[in-house]
Amino acid sequence: MTYLLVALGGALGATLRHTVNLWAGSAFGPGWPWGTLVANVLGSFALGVVMELGEGRTIFGVDARVPLGVGLMGGFTTYSSFNLEVIRLWEGGQMGRAAGYSGGTFMLCLLCGYAGLAVAKALKST
């Protein structure tokens, strides 16, 4: 059951990732990997929420954090895409953009992950 739930979560996460990528590309335009940045920032926030609110909860007898964290968020977030985009910027001689994208992604995801945990803790205490 765990594998099935992780697979279903992964499929949904990948579909959401594709949707975000299409939306971000049309909303912000080409020339910057907006889709990956948006997915990673939102995914960092959502994973914080999932891990905090999922504690002690189950889906069909499975710890809810496994299908939602590993499956859904694993399919949604995009480190491998991020990595390739940074390399491509670097190879294209855009070292400043590569560094800005790397540092910005790191800080935004870290802050959003923390915010997700904080929001979930506040929800649990009400």
PDB file of N, CA and C in Angstrom:
ATOM      1  N   MET A   1       0.831  -1.188   0.000  1.00  0.00           N
ATOM      2  CA  MET A   1       0.000   0.000   0.000  1.00  0.00           C
ATOM      3  C   MET A   1       0.879   1.257   0.000  1.00  0.00           C
ATOM      4  N   THR A   2       1.987   1.223   0.748  1.00  0.00           N
ATOM      5  CA  THR A   2       2.877   2.392   0.812  1.00  0.00           C
ATOM      6  C   THR A   2       3.392   2.762  -0.571  1.00  0.00           C
ATOM      7  N   TYR A   3       3.848   1.766  -1.320  1.00  0.00           N
ATOM      8  CA  TYR A   3       4.392   2.035  -2.650  1.00  0.00           C
ATOM      9  C   TYR A   3       3.333   2.608  -3.589  1.00  0.00           C
ATOM     10  N   LEU A   4       2.144   2.092  -3.504  1.00  0.00           N
ATOM     11  CA  LEU A   4       1.052   2.588  -4.340  1.00  0.00           C
ATOM     12  C   LEU A   4       0.748   4.051  -4.002  1.00  0.00           C
ATOM     13  N   LEU A   5       0.663   4.374  -2.717  1.00  0.00           N
ATOM     14  CA  LEU A   5       0.372   5.747  -2.307  1.00  0.00           C
ATOM     15  C   LEU A   5       1.501   6.698  -2.688  1.00  0.00           C
ATOM     16  N   VAL A   6       2.753   6.261  -2.571  1.00  0.00           N
ATOM     17  CA  VAL A   6       3.881   7.095  -2.985  1.00  0.00           C
ATOM     18  C   VAL A   6       3.832   7.317  -4.496  1.00  0.00           C
ATOM     19  N   ALA A   7       3.533   6.262  -5.253  1.00  0.00           N
ATOM     20  CA  ALA A   7       3.446   6.387  -6.713  1.00  0.00           C
ATOM     21  C   ALA A   7       2.329   7.339  -7.122  1.00  0.00           C
ATOM     22  N   LEU A   8       1.174   7.228  -6.487  1.00  0.00           N
ATOM     23  CA  LEU A   8       0.066   8.130  -6.792  1.00  0.00           C
ATOM     24  C   LEU A   8       0.411   9.576  -6.434  1.00  0.00           C
ATOM     25  N   GLY A   9       1.031   9.756  -5.273  1.00  0.00           N
ATOM     26  CA  GLY A   9       1.463  11.092  -4.872  1.00  0.00           C
ATOM     27  C   GLY A   9       2.494  11.663  -5.834  1.00  0.00           C
ATOM     28  N   GLY A  10       3.425  10.820  -6.262  1.00  0.00           N
ATOM     29  CA  GLY A  10       4.446  11.257  -7.221  1.00  0.00           C
ATOM     30  C   GLY A  10       3.842  11.671  -8.552  1.00  0.00           C
ATOM     31  N   ALA A  11       2.859  10.905  -9.015  1.00  0.00           N
ATOM     32  CA  ALA A  11       2.189  11.251 -10.278  1.00  0.00           C
ATOM     33  C   ALA A  11       1.466  12.588 -10.156  1.00  0.00           C
ATOM     34  N   LEU A  12       0.777  12.783  -9.054  1.00  0.00           N
ATOM     35  CA  LEU A  12       0.078  14.051  -8.836  1.00  0.00           C
ATOM     36  C   LEU A  12       1.070  15.207  -8.703  1.00  0.00           C
ATOM     37  N   GLY A  13       2.151  14.981  -7.966  1.00  0.00           N
ATOM     38  CA  GLY A  13       3.167  16.017  -7.805  1.00  0.00           C
ATOM     39  C   GLY A  13       3.818  16.406  -9.120  1.00  0.00           C
ATOM     40  N   ALA A  14       4.126  15.418  -9.960  1.00  0.00           N
ATOM     41  CA  ALA A  14       4.732  15.702 -11.263  1.00  0.00           C
ATOM     42  C   ALA A  14       3.765  16.473 -12.162  1.00  0.00           C
ATOM     43  N   THR A  15       2.487  16.133 -12.084  1.00  0.00           N
ATOM     44  CA  THR A  15       1.471  16.846 -12.863  1.00  0.00           C
ATOM     45  C   THR A  15       1.355  18.296 -12.388  1.00  0.00           C
ATOM     46  N   LEU A  16       1.358  18.495 -11.085  1.00  0.00           N
ATOM     47  CA  LEU A  16       1.325  19.853 -10.542  1.00  0.00           C
ATOM     48  C   LEU A  16       2.576  20.629 -10.938  1.00  0.00           C
ATOM     49  N   ARG A  17       3.715  19.971 -10.922  1.00  0.00           N
ATOM     50  CA  ARG A  17       4.984  20.602 -11.308  1.00  0.00           C
ATOM     51  C   ARG A  17       4.914  21.085 -12.744  1.00  0.00           C
ATOM     52  N   HIS A  18       4.394  20.252 -13.630  1.00  0.00           N
ATOM     53  CA  HIS A  18       4.267  20.626 -15.043  1.00  0.00           C
ATOM     54  C   HIS A  18       3.327  21.824 -15.189  1.00  0.00           C
ATOM     55  N   THR A  19       2.244  21.816 -14.440  1.00  0.00           N
ATOM     56  CA  THR A  19       1.280  22.918 -14.474  1.00  0.00           C
ATOM     57  C   THR A  19       1.931  24.219 -14.008  1.00  0.00           C
ATOM     58  N   VAL A  20       2.685  24.155 -12.919  1.00  0.00           N
ATOM     59  CA  VAL A  20       3.385  25.344 -12.406  1.00  0.00           C
ATOM     60  C   VAL A  20       4.400  25.835 -13.426  1.00  0.00           C
ATOM     61  N   ASN A  21       5.111  24.921 -14.057  1.00  0.00           N
ATOM     62  CA  ASN A  21       6.112  25.295 -15.055  1.00  0.00           C
ATOM     63  C   ASN A  21       5.466  26.033 -16.228  1.00  0.00           C
ATOM     64  N   LEU A  22       4.343  25.521 -16.721  1.00  0.00           N
ATOM     65  CA  LEU A  22       3.636  26.183 -17.817  1.00  0.00           C
ATOM     66  C   LEU A  22       3.118  27.552 -17.390  1.00  0.00           C
ATOM     67  N   TRP A  23       2.529  27.610 -16.207  1.00  0.00           N
ATOM     68  CA  TRP A  23       1.998  28.874 -15.702  1.00  0.00           C
ATOM     69  C   TRP A  23       3.108  29.908 -15.533  1.00  0.00           C
ATOM     70  N   ALA A  24       4.191  29.511 -14.878  1.00  0.00           N
ATOM     71  CA  ALA A  24       5.272  30.459 -14.600  1.00  0.00           C
ATOM     72  C   ALA A  24       5.913  30.952 -15.893  1.00  0.00           C
ATOM     73  N   GLY A  25       6.058  30.063 -16.865  1.00  0.00           N
ATOM     74  CA  GLY A  25       6.630  30.468 -18.145  1.00  0.00           C
ATOM     75  C   GLY A  25       5.784  31.508 -18.848  1.00  0.00           C
ATOM     76  N   SER A  26       4.467  31.350 -18.785  1.00  0.00           N
ATOM     77  CA  SER A  26       3.593  32.332 -19.429  1.00  0.00           C
ATOM     78  C   SER A  26       3.436  33.591 -18.581  1.00  0.00           C
ATOM     79  N   ALA A  27       3.498  33.459 -17.274  1.00  0.00           N
ATOM     80  CA  ALA A  27       3.321  34.619 -16.392  1.00  0.00           C
ATOM     81  C   ALA A  27       4.557  35.513 -16.353  1.00  0.00           C
ATOM     82  N   PHE A  28       5.738  34.922 -16.337  1.00  0.00           N
ATOM     83  CA  PHE A  28       6.966  35.686 -16.160  1.00  0.00           C
ATOM     84  C   PHE A  28       7.842  35.766 -17.397  1.00  0.00           C
ATOM     85  N   GLY A  29       7.579  34.927 -18.392  1.00  0.00           N
ATOM     86  CA  GLY A  29       8.345  34.960 -19.632  1.00  0.00           C
ATOM     87  C   GLY A  29       9.594  34.101 -19.589  1.00  0.00           C
ATOM     88  N   PRO A  30      10.204  33.938 -20.760  1.00  0.00           N
ATOM     89  CA  PRO A  30      11.406  33.105 -20.866  1.00  0.00           C
ATOM     90  C   PRO A  30      12.648  33.828 -20.365  1.00  0.00           C
ATOM     91  N   GLY A  31      13.750  33.110 -20.325  1.00  0.00           N
ATOM     92  CA  GLY A  31      15.013  33.719 -19.961  1.00  0.00           C
ATOM     93  C   GLY A  31      15.437  33.477 -18.524  1.00  0.00           C
ATOM     94  N   TRP A  32      14.579  32.907 -17.741  1.00  0.00           N
ATOM     95  CA  TRP A  32      14.887  32.601 -16.340  1.00  0.00           C
ATOM     96  C   TRP A  32      14.071  31.369 -15.973  1.00  0.00           C
ATOM     97  N   PRO A  33      14.614  30.441 -15.221  1.00  0.00           N
ATOM     98  CA  PRO A  33      13.889  29.202 -14.874  1.00  0.00           C
ATOM     99  C   PRO A  33      12.842  29.421 -13.779  1.00  0.00           C
ATOM    100  N   TRP A  34      11.846  30.247 -14.070  1.00  0.00           N
ATOM    101  CA  TRP A  34      10.812  30.590 -13.088  1.00  0.00           C
ATOM    102  C   TRP A  34      10.043  29.375 -12.592  1.00  0.00           C
ATOM    103  N   GLY A  35       9.695  28.444 -13.479  1.00  0.00           N
ATOM    104  CA  GLY A  35       8.901  27.284 -13.080  1.00  0.00           C
ATOM    105  C   GLY A  35       9.582  26.463 -12.004  1.00  0.00           C
ATOM    106  N   THR A  36      10.862  26.225 -12.168  1.00  0.00           N
ATOM    107  CA  THR A  36      11.612  25.451 -11.185  1.00  0.00           C
ATOM    108  C   THR A  36      11.716  26.206  -9.873  1.00  0.00           C
ATOM    109  N   LEU A  37      12.002  27.505  -9.950  1.00  0.00           N
ATOM    110  CA  LEU A  37      12.098  28.310  -8.737  1.00  0.00           C
ATOM    111  C   LEU A  37      10.777  28.311  -7.972  1.00  0.00           C
ATOM    112  N   VAL A  38       9.678  28.552  -8.678  1.00  0.00           N
ATOM    113  CA  VAL A  38       8.366  28.585  -8.025  1.00  0.00           C
ATOM    114  C   VAL A  38       8.035  27.222  -7.418  1.00  0.00           C
ATOM    115  N   ALA A  39       8.271  26.141  -8.162  1.00  0.00           N
ATOM    116  CA  ALA A  39       7.975  24.799  -7.651  1.00  0.00           C
ATOM    117  C   ALA A  39       8.802  24.484  -6.409  1.00  0.00           C
ATOM    118  N   ASN A  40      10.083  24.837  -6.424  1.00  0.00           N
ATOM    119  CA  ASN A  40      10.933  24.535  -5.274  1.00  0.00           C
ATOM    120  C   ASN A  40      10.564  25.369  -4.053  1.00  0.00           C
ATOM    121  N   VAL A  41      10.211  26.632  -4.260  1.00  0.00           N
ATOM    122  CA  VAL A  41       9.827  27.485  -3.132  1.00  0.00           C
ATOM    123  C   VAL A  41       8.490  27.016  -2.558  1.00  0.00           C
ATOM    124  N   LEU A  42       7.488  26.815  -3.419  1.00  0.00           N
ATOM    125  CA  LEU A  42       6.196  26.314  -2.939  1.00  0.00           C
ATOM    126  C   LEU A  42       6.330  24.935  -2.309  1.00  0.00           C
ATOM    127  N   GLY A  43       7.139  24.082  -2.931  1.00  0.00           N
ATOM    128  CA  GLY A  43       7.345  22.737  -2.397  1.00  0.00           C
ATOM    129  C   GLY A  43       8.012  22.746  -1.040  1.00  0.00           C
ATOM    130  N   SER A  44       8.933  23.671  -0.829  1.00  0.00           N
ATOM    131  CA  SER A  44       9.592  23.780   0.477  1.00  0.00           C
ATOM    132  C   SER A  44       8.587  24.167   1.553  1.00  0.00           C
ATOM    133  N   PHE A  45       7.732  25.122   1.242  1.00  0.00           N
ATOM    134  CA  PHE A  45       6.687  25.525   2.181  1.00  0.00           C
ATOM    135  C   PHE A  45       5.736  24.354   2.444  1.00  0.00           C
ATOM    136  N   ALA A  46       5.260  23.734   1.372  1.00  0.00           N
ATOM    137  CA  ALA A  46       4.287  22.647   1.506  1.00  0.00           C
ATOM    138  C   ALA A  46       4.865  21.450   2.251  1.00  0.00           C
ATOM    139  N   LEU A  47       6.138  21.140   2.028  1.00  0.00           N
ATOM    140  CA  LEU A  47       6.742  20.019   2.740  1.00  0.00           C
ATOM    141  C   LEU A  47       6.814  20.300   4.234  1.00  0.00           C
ATOM    142  N   GLY A  48       7.094  21.557   4.602  1.00  0.00           N
ATOM    143  CA  GLY A  48       7.063  21.918   6.022  1.00  0.00           C
ATOM    144  C   GLY A  48       5.693  21.689   6.620  1.00  0.00           C
ATOM    145  N   VAL A  49       4.654  22.098   5.900  1.00  0.00           N
ATOM    146  CA  VAL A  49       3.273  21.899   6.361  1.00  0.00           C
ATOM    147  C   VAL A  49       2.964  20.411   6.464  1.00  0.00           C
ATOM    148  N   VAL A  50       3.285  19.655   5.414  1.00  0.00           N
ATOM    149  CA  VAL A  50       3.000  18.219   5.379  1.00  0.00           C
ATOM    150  C   VAL A  50       3.690  17.487   6.529  1.00  0.00           C
ATOM    151  N   MET A  51       4.957  17.780   6.753  1.00  0.00           N
ATOM    152  CA  MET A  51       5.694  17.059   7.788  1.00  0.00           C
ATOM    153  C   MET A  51       5.173  17.377   9.182  1.00  0.00           C
ATOM    154  N   GLU A  52       4.766  18.605   9.405  1.00  0.00           N
ATOM    155  CA  GLU A  52       4.265  18.974  10.733  1.00  0.00           C
ATOM    156  C   GLU A  52       2.835  18.487  10.946  1.00  0.00           C
ATOM    157  N   LEU A  53       1.960  18.747   9.989  1.00  0.00           N
ATOM    158  CA  LEU A  53       0.555  18.348  10.161  1.00  0.00           C
ATOM    159  C   LEU A  53       0.341  16.848   9.970  1.00  0.00           C
ATOM    160  N   GLY A  54       1.243  16.202   9.238  1.00  0.00           N
ATOM    161  CA  GLY A  54       1.096  14.771   8.986  1.00  0.00           C
ATOM    162  C   GLY A  54       1.541  13.883  10.124  1.00  0.00           C
ATOM    163  N   GLU A  55       2.201  14.459  11.096  1.00  0.00           N
ATOM    164  CA  GLU A  55       2.712  13.683  12.222  1.00  0.00           C
ATOM    165  C   GLU A  55       1.566  12.969  12.942  1.00  0.00           C
ATOM    166  N   GLY A  56       1.696  11.663  13.063  1.00  0.00           N
ATOM    167  CA  GLY A  56       0.699  10.876  13.769  1.00  0.00           C
ATOM    168  C   GLY A  56      -0.555  10.584  12.962  1.00  0.00           C
ATOM    169  N   ARG A  57      -0.579  10.947  11.687  1.00  0.00           N
ATOM    170  CA  ARG A  57      -1.756  10.698  10.842  1.00  0.00           C
ATOM    171  C   ARG A  57      -1.428   9.618   9.825  1.00  0.00           C
ATOM    172  N   THR A  58      -2.454   8.898   9.431  1.00  0.00           N
ATOM    173  CA  THR A  58      -2.257   7.835   8.457  1.00  0.00           C
ATOM    174  C   THR A  58      -3.244   7.958   7.297  1.00  0.00           C
ATOM    175  N   ILE A  59      -2.834   7.411   6.179  1.00  0.00           N
ATOM    176  CA  ILE A  59      -3.683   7.273   4.993  1.00  0.00           C
ATOM    177  C   ILE A  59      -3.694   5.782   4.675  1.00  0.00           C
ATOM    178  N   PHE A  60      -4.827   5.143   4.816  1.00  0.00           N
ATOM    179  CA  PHE A  60      -4.947   3.691   4.597  1.00  0.00           C
ATOM    180  C   PHE A  60      -3.888   2.922   5.375  1.00  0.00           C
ATOM    181  N   GLY A  61      -3.634   3.348   6.598  1.00  0.00           N
ATOM    182  CA  GLY A  61      -2.687   2.658   7.466  1.00  0.00           C
ATOM    183  C   GLY A  61      -1.233   3.040   7.264  1.00  0.00           C
ATOM    184  N   VAL A  62      -0.966   3.965   6.349  1.00  0.00           N
ATOM    185  CA  VAL A  62       0.407   4.381   6.046  1.00  0.00           C
ATOM    186  C   VAL A  62       0.631   5.779   6.623  1.00  0.00           C
ATOM    187  N   ASP A  63       1.798   5.996   7.235  1.00  0.00           N
ATOM    188  CA  ASP A  63       2.159   7.323   7.739  1.00  0.00           C
ATOM    189  C   ASP A  63       1.935   8.332   6.619  1.00  0.00           C
ATOM    190  N   ALA A  64       1.076   9.313   6.823  1.00  0.00           N
ATOM    191  CA  ALA A  64       0.682  10.276   5.787  1.00  0.00           C
ATOM    192  C   ALA A  64       1.870  11.045   5.224  1.00  0.00           C
ATOM    193  N   ARG A  65       2.923  11.186   6.013  1.00  0.00           N
ATOM    194  CA  ARG A  65       4.083  11.947   5.540  1.00  0.00           C
ATOM    195  C   ARG A  65       4.819  11.229   4.412  1.00  0.00           C
ATOM    196  N   VAL A  66       4.671   9.915   4.317  1.00  0.00           N
ATOM    197  CA  VAL A  66       5.376   9.171   3.268  1.00  0.00           C
ATOM    198  C   VAL A  66       4.764   9.453   1.893  1.00  0.00           C
ATOM    199  N   PRO A  67       3.462   9.198   1.675  1.00  0.00           N
ATOM    200  CA  PRO A  67       2.931   9.480   0.335  1.00  0.00           C
ATOM    201  C   PRO A  67       2.891  10.973   0.003  1.00  0.00           C
ATOM    202  N   LEU A  68       2.680  11.819   1.013  1.00  0.00           N
ATOM    203  CA  LEU A  68       2.613  13.257   0.747  1.00  0.00           C
ATOM    204  C   LEU A  68       3.994  13.889   0.642  1.00  0.00           C
ATOM    205  N   GLY A  69       4.903  13.513   1.524  1.00  0.00           N
ATOM    206  CA  GLY A  69       6.254  14.079   1.506  1.00  0.00           C
ATOM    207  C   GLY A  69       7.117  13.478   0.411  1.00  0.00           C
ATOM    208  N   VAL A  70       7.259  12.157   0.423  1.00  0.00           N
ATOM    209  CA  VAL A  70       8.110  11.484  -0.566  1.00  0.00           C
ATOM    210  C   VAL A  70       7.441  11.482  -1.938  1.00  0.00           C
ATOM    211  N   GLY A  71       6.155  11.149  -1.980  1.00  0.00           N
ATOM    212  CA  GLY A  71       5.452  11.051  -3.258  1.00  0.00           C
ATOM    213  C   GLY A  71       5.090  12.398  -3.845  1.00  0.00           C
ATOM    214  N   LEU A  72       4.133  13.077  -3.231  1.00  0.00           N
ATOM    215  CA  LEU A  72       3.613  14.335  -3.769  1.00  0.00           C
ATOM    216  C   LEU A  72       4.696  15.413  -3.870  1.00  0.00           C
ATOM    217  N   MET A  73       5.383  15.689  -2.765  1.00  0.00           N
ATOM    218  CA  MET A  73       6.401  16.742  -2.788  1.00  0.00           C
ATOM    219  C   MET A  73       7.641  16.307  -3.568  1.00  0.00           C
ATOM    220  N   GLY A  74       7.956  15.014  -3.538  1.00  0.00           N
ATOM    221  CA  GLY A  74       9.078  14.515  -4.328  1.00  0.00           C
ATOM    222  C   GLY A  74       8.833  14.656  -5.824  1.00  0.00           C
ATOM    223  N   GLY A  75       7.587  14.435  -6.244  1.00  0.00           N
ATOM    224  CA  GLY A  75       7.239  14.619  -7.651  1.00  0.00           C
ATOM    225  C   GLY A  75       7.110  16.080  -8.033  1.00  0.00           C
ATOM    226  N   PHE A  76       6.828  16.927  -7.061  1.00  0.00           N
ATOM    227  CA  PHE A  76       6.591  18.344  -7.329  1.00  0.00           C
ATOM    228  C   PHE A  76       7.878  19.166  -7.356  1.00  0.00           C
ATOM    229  N   THR A  77       8.757  18.945  -6.397  1.00  0.00           N
ATOM    230  CA  THR A  77       9.979  19.736  -6.335  1.00  0.00           C
ATOM    231  C   THR A  77      10.991  19.201  -7.341  1.00  0.00           C
ATOM    232  N   THR A  78      12.004  19.985  -7.617  1.00  0.00           N
ATOM    233  CA  THR A  78      12.766  19.741  -8.835  1.00  0.00           C
ATOM    234  C   THR A  78      14.260  19.995  -8.689  1.00  0.00           C
ATOM    235  N   TYR A  79      14.895  19.381  -7.726  1.00  0.00           N
ATOM    236  CA  TYR A  79      16.316  19.673  -7.561  1.00  0.00           C
ATOM    237  C   TYR A  79      17.120  19.334  -8.807  1.00  0.00           C
ATOM    238  N   SER A  80      16.834  18.225  -9.454  1.00  0.00           N
ATOM    239  CA  SER A  80      17.618  17.849 -10.627  1.00  0.00           C
ATOM    240  C   SER A  80      17.479  18.887 -11.737  1.00  0.00           C
ATOM    241  N   SER A  81      16.292  19.437 -11.929  1.00  0.00           N
ATOM    242  CA  SER A  81      16.107  20.504 -12.923  1.00  0.00           C
ATOM    243  C   SER A  81      16.874  21.748 -12.498  1.00  0.00           C
ATOM    244  N   PHE A  82      16.771  22.088 -11.231  1.00  0.00           N
ATOM    245  CA  PHE A  82      17.494  23.240 -10.688  1.00  0.00           C
ATOM    246  C   PHE A  82      18.992  23.097 -10.948  1.00  0.00           C
ATOM    247  N   ASN A  83      19.527  21.932 -10.655  1.00  0.00           N
ATOM    248  CA  ASN A  83      20.945  21.671 -10.836  1.00  0.00           C
ATOM    249  C   ASN A  83      21.361  21.883 -12.289  1.00  0.00           C
ATOM    250  N   LEU A  84      20.609  21.316 -13.215  1.00  0.00           N
ATOM    251  CA  LEU A  84      20.932  21.442 -14.635  1.00  0.00           C
ATOM    252  C   LEU A  84      20.835  22.902 -15.088  1.00  0.00           C
ATOM    253  N   GLU A  85      19.831  23.624 -14.617  1.00  0.00           N
ATOM    254  CA  GLU A  85      19.672  25.028 -15.007  1.00  0.00           C
ATOM    255  C   GLU A  85      20.845  25.883 -14.519  1.00  0.00           C
ATOM    256  N   VAL A  86      21.328  25.613 -13.312  1.00  0.00           N
ATOM    257  CA  VAL A  86      22.486  26.346 -12.797  1.00  0.00           C
ATOM    258  C   VAL A  86      23.714  26.036 -13.659  1.00  0.00           C
ATOM    259  N   ILE A  87      23.899  24.775 -13.988  1.00  0.00           N
ATOM    260  CA  ILE A  87      25.039  24.380 -14.827  1.00  0.00           C
ATOM    261  C   ILE A  87      24.954  25.055 -16.192  1.00  0.00           C
ATOM    262  N   ARG A  88      23.763  25.073 -16.785  1.00  0.00           N
ATOM    263  CA  ARG A  88      23.590  25.694 -18.107  1.00  0.00           C
ATOM    264  C   ARG A  88      23.870  27.200 -18.059  1.00  0.00           C
ATOM    265  N   LEU A  89      23.420  27.874 -17.012  1.00  0.00           N
ATOM    266  CA  LEU A  89      23.718  29.297 -16.862  1.00  0.00           C
ATOM    267  C   LEU A  89      25.230  29.501 -16.758  1.00  0.00           C
ATOM    268  N   TRP A  90      25.868  28.674 -15.953  1.00  0.00           N
ATOM    269  CA  TRP A  90      27.313  28.765 -15.757  1.00  0.00           C
ATOM    270  C   TRP A  90      28.055  28.526 -17.068  1.00  0.00           C
ATOM    271  N   GLU A  91      27.672  27.458 -17.771  1.00  0.00           N
ATOM    272  CA  GLU A  91      28.310  27.139 -19.047  1.00  0.00           C
ATOM    273  C   GLU A  91      28.094  28.235 -20.088  1.00  0.00           C
ATOM    274  N   GLY A  92      26.972  28.928 -19.985  1.00  0.00           N
ATOM    275  CA  GLY A  92      26.669  30.015 -20.909  1.00  0.00           C
ATOM    276  C   GLY A  92      27.351  31.323 -20.542  1.00  0.00           C
ATOM    277  N   GLY A  93      28.250  31.280 -19.576  1.00  0.00           N
ATOM    278  CA  GLY A  93      28.981  32.465 -19.190  1.00  0.00           C
ATOM    279  C   GLY A  93      28.195  33.415 -18.292  1.00  0.00           C
ATOM    280  N   GLN A  94      27.083  32.978 -17.768  1.00  0.00           N
ATOM    281  CA  GLN A  94      26.239  33.812 -16.914  1.00  0.00           C
ATOM    282  C   GLN A  94      26.474  33.453 -15.446  1.00  0.00           C
ATOM    283  N   MET A  95      27.706  33.637 -15.019  1.00  0.00           N
ATOM    284  CA  MET A  95      28.082  33.244 -13.666  1.00  0.00           C
ATOM    285  C   MET A  95      27.284  33.993 -12.603  1.00  0.00           C
ATOM    286  N   GLY A  96      27.063  35.274 -12.808  1.00  0.00           N
ATOM    287  CA  GLY A  96      26.288  36.062 -11.847  1.00  0.00           C
ATOM    288  C   GLY A  96      24.861  35.564 -11.723  1.00  0.00           C
ATOM    289  N   ARG A  97      24.236  35.257 -12.856  1.00  0.00           N
ATOM    290  CA  ARG A  97      22.866  34.730 -12.820  1.00  0.00           C
ATOM    291  C   ARG A  97      22.828  33.351 -12.168  1.00  0.00           C
ATOM    292  N   ALA A  98      23.848  32.526 -12.447  1.00  0.00           N
ATOM    293  CA  ALA A  98      23.916  31.196 -11.840  1.00  0.00           C
ATOM    294  C   ALA A  98      24.038  31.314 -10.321  1.00  0.00           C
ATOM    295  N   ALA A  99      24.892  32.214  -9.876  1.00  0.00           N
ATOM    296  CA  ALA A  99      25.080  32.414  -8.435  1.00  0.00           C
ATOM    297  C   ALA A  99      23.822  33.004  -7.804  1.00  0.00           C
ATOM    298  N   GLY A 100      23.198  33.966  -8.475  1.00  0.00           N
ATOM    299  CA  GLY A 100      21.974  34.569  -7.954  1.00  0.00           C
ATOM    300  C   GLY A 100      20.840  33.574  -7.862  1.00  0.00           C
ATOM    301  N   TYR A 101      20.710  32.760  -8.886  1.00  0.00           N
ATOM    302  CA  TYR A 101      19.659  31.741  -8.907  1.00  0.00           C
ATOM    303  C   TYR A 101      19.904  30.708  -7.805  1.00  0.00           C
ATOM    304  N   SER A 102      21.152  30.270  -7.658  1.00  0.00           N
ATOM    305  CA  SER A 102      21.492  29.286  -6.619  1.00  0.00           C
ATOM    306  C   SER A 102      21.237  29.847  -5.226  1.00  0.00           C
ATOM    307  N   GLY A 103      21.781  31.024  -4.975  1.00  0.00           N
ATOM    308  CA  GLY A 103      21.617  31.636  -3.656  1.00  0.00           C
ATOM    309  C   GLY A 103      20.180  31.997  -3.347  1.00  0.00           C
ATOM    310  N   GLY A 104      19.481  32.532  -4.348  1.00  0.00           N
ATOM    311  CA  GLY A 104      18.076  32.887  -4.163  1.00  0.00           C
ATOM    312  C   GLY A 104      17.213  31.671  -3.889  1.00  0.00           C
ATOM    313  N   THR A 105      17.448  30.612  -4.643  1.00  0.00           N
ATOM    314  CA  THR A 105      16.687  29.380  -4.425  1.00  0.00           C
ATOM    315  C   THR A 105      16.953  28.830  -3.031  1.00  0.00           C
ATOM    316  N   PHE A 106      18.216  28.798  -2.649  1.00  0.00           N
ATOM    317  CA  PHE A 106      18.570  28.271  -1.333  1.00  0.00           C
ATOM    318  C   PHE A 106      17.870  29.063  -0.225  1.00  0.00           C
ATOM    319  N   MET A 107      17.987  30.376  -0.276  1.00  0.00           N
ATOM    320  CA  MET A 107      17.413  31.200   0.796  1.00  0.00           C
ATOM    321  C   MET A 107      15.884  31.152   0.793  1.00  0.00           C
ATOM    322  N   LEU A 108      15.262  31.286  -0.384  1.00  0.00           N
ATOM    323  CA  LEU A 108      13.797  31.255  -0.447  1.00  0.00           C
ATOM    324  C   LEU A 108      13.244  29.914   0.020  1.00  0.00           C
ATOM    325  N   CYS A 109      13.867  28.821  -0.412  1.00  0.00           N
ATOM    326  CA  CYS A 109      13.385  27.499   0.000  1.00  0.00           C
ATOM    327  C   CYS A 109      13.589  27.270   1.493  1.00  0.00           C
ATOM    328  N   LEU A 110      14.711  27.714   2.016  1.00  0.00           N
ATOM    329  CA  LEU A 110      14.959  27.585   3.444  1.00  0.00           C
ATOM    330  C   LEU A 110      13.925  28.381   4.238  1.00  0.00           C
ATOM    331  N   LEU A 111      13.698  29.620   3.847  1.00  0.00           N
ATOM    332  CA  LEU A 111      12.717  30.463   4.537  1.00  0.00           C
ATOM    333  C   LEU A 111      11.302  29.906   4.406  1.00  0.00           C
ATOM    334  N   CYS A 112      10.945  29.426   3.212  1.00  0.00           N
ATOM    335  CA  CYS A 112       9.598  28.888   3.022  1.00  0.00           C
ATOM    336  C   CYS A 112       9.415  27.563   3.750  1.00  0.00           C
ATOM    337  N   GLY A 113      10.457  26.753   3.828  1.00  0.00           N
ATOM    338  CA  GLY A 113      10.372  25.525   4.612  1.00  0.00           C
ATOM    339  C   GLY A 113      10.111  25.828   6.073  1.00  0.00           C
ATOM    340  N   TYR A 114      10.824  26.810   6.598  1.00  0.00           N
ATOM    341  CA  TYR A 114      10.620  27.238   7.981  1.00  0.00           C
ATOM    342  C   TYR A 114       9.216  27.816   8.161  1.00  0.00           C
ATOM    343  N   ALA A 115       8.779  28.626   7.209  1.00  0.00           N
ATOM    344  CA  ALA A 115       7.434  29.213   7.286  1.00  0.00           C
ATOM    345  C   ALA A 115       6.359  28.127   7.259  1.00  0.00           C
ATOM    346  N   GLY A 116       6.556  27.104   6.435  1.00  0.00           N
ATOM    347  CA  GLY A 116       5.599  26.006   6.391  1.00  0.00           C
ATOM    348  C   GLY A 116       5.479  25.296   7.731  1.00  0.00           C
ATOM    349  N   LEU A 117       6.614  25.045   8.362  1.00  0.00           N
ATOM    350  CA  LEU A 117       6.594  24.432   9.697  1.00  0.00           C
ATOM    351  C   LEU A 117       5.890  25.341  10.700  1.00  0.00           C
ATOM    352  N   ALA A 118       6.197  26.633  10.644  1.00  0.00           N
ATOM    353  CA  ALA A 118       5.594  27.576  11.585  1.00  0.00           C
ATOM    354  C   ALA A 118       4.083  27.670  11.397  1.00  0.00           C
ATOM    355  N   VAL A 119       3.628  27.737  10.155  1.00  0.00           N
ATOM    356  CA  VAL A 119       2.191  27.803   9.880  1.00  0.00           C
ATOM    357  C   VAL A 119       1.500  26.540  10.381  1.00  0.00           C
ATOM    358  N   ALA A 120       2.102  25.391  10.107  1.00  0.00           N
ATOM    359  CA  ALA A 120       1.494  24.129  10.546  1.00  0.00           C
ATOM    360  C   ALA A 120       1.455  24.022  12.071  1.00  0.00           C
ATOM    361  N   LYS A 121       2.489  24.462  12.736  1.00  0.00           N
ATOM    362  CA  LYS A 121       2.485  24.445  14.201  1.00  0.00           C
ATOM    363  C   LYS A 121       1.415  25.365  14.748  1.00  0.00           C
ATOM    364  N   ALA A 122       1.263  26.533  14.119  1.00  0.00           N
ATOM    365  CA  ALA A 122       0.199  27.458  14.560  1.00  0.00           C
ATOM    366  C   ALA A 122      -1.184  26.854  14.324  1.00  0.00           C
ATOM    367  N   LEU A 123      -1.354  26.161  13.216  1.00  0.00           N
ATOM    368  CA  LEU A 123      -2.649  25.494  12.940  1.00  0.00           C
ATOM    369  C   LEU A 123      -2.933  24.396  13.951  1.00  0.00           C
ATOM    370  N   LYS A 124      -1.898  23.664  14.330  1.00  0.00           N
ATOM    371  CA  LYS A 124      -2.077  22.590  15.305  1.00  0.00           C
ATOM    372  C   LYS A 124      -2.436  23.114  16.687  1.00  0.00           C
ATOM    373  N   SER A 125      -1.974  24.310  17.019  1.00  0.00           N
ATOM    374  CA  SER A 125      -2.215  24.838  18.363  1.00  0.00           C
ATOM    375  C   SER A 125      -3.571  25.523  18.499  1.00  0.00           C
ATOM    376  N   THR A 126      -4.290  25.665  17.399  1.00  0.00           N
ATOM    377  CA  THR A 126      -5.608  26.317  17.480  1.00  0.00           C
ATOM    378  C   THR A 126      -6.726  25.295  17.610  1.00  0.00           C
TER     379      THR A 126
END
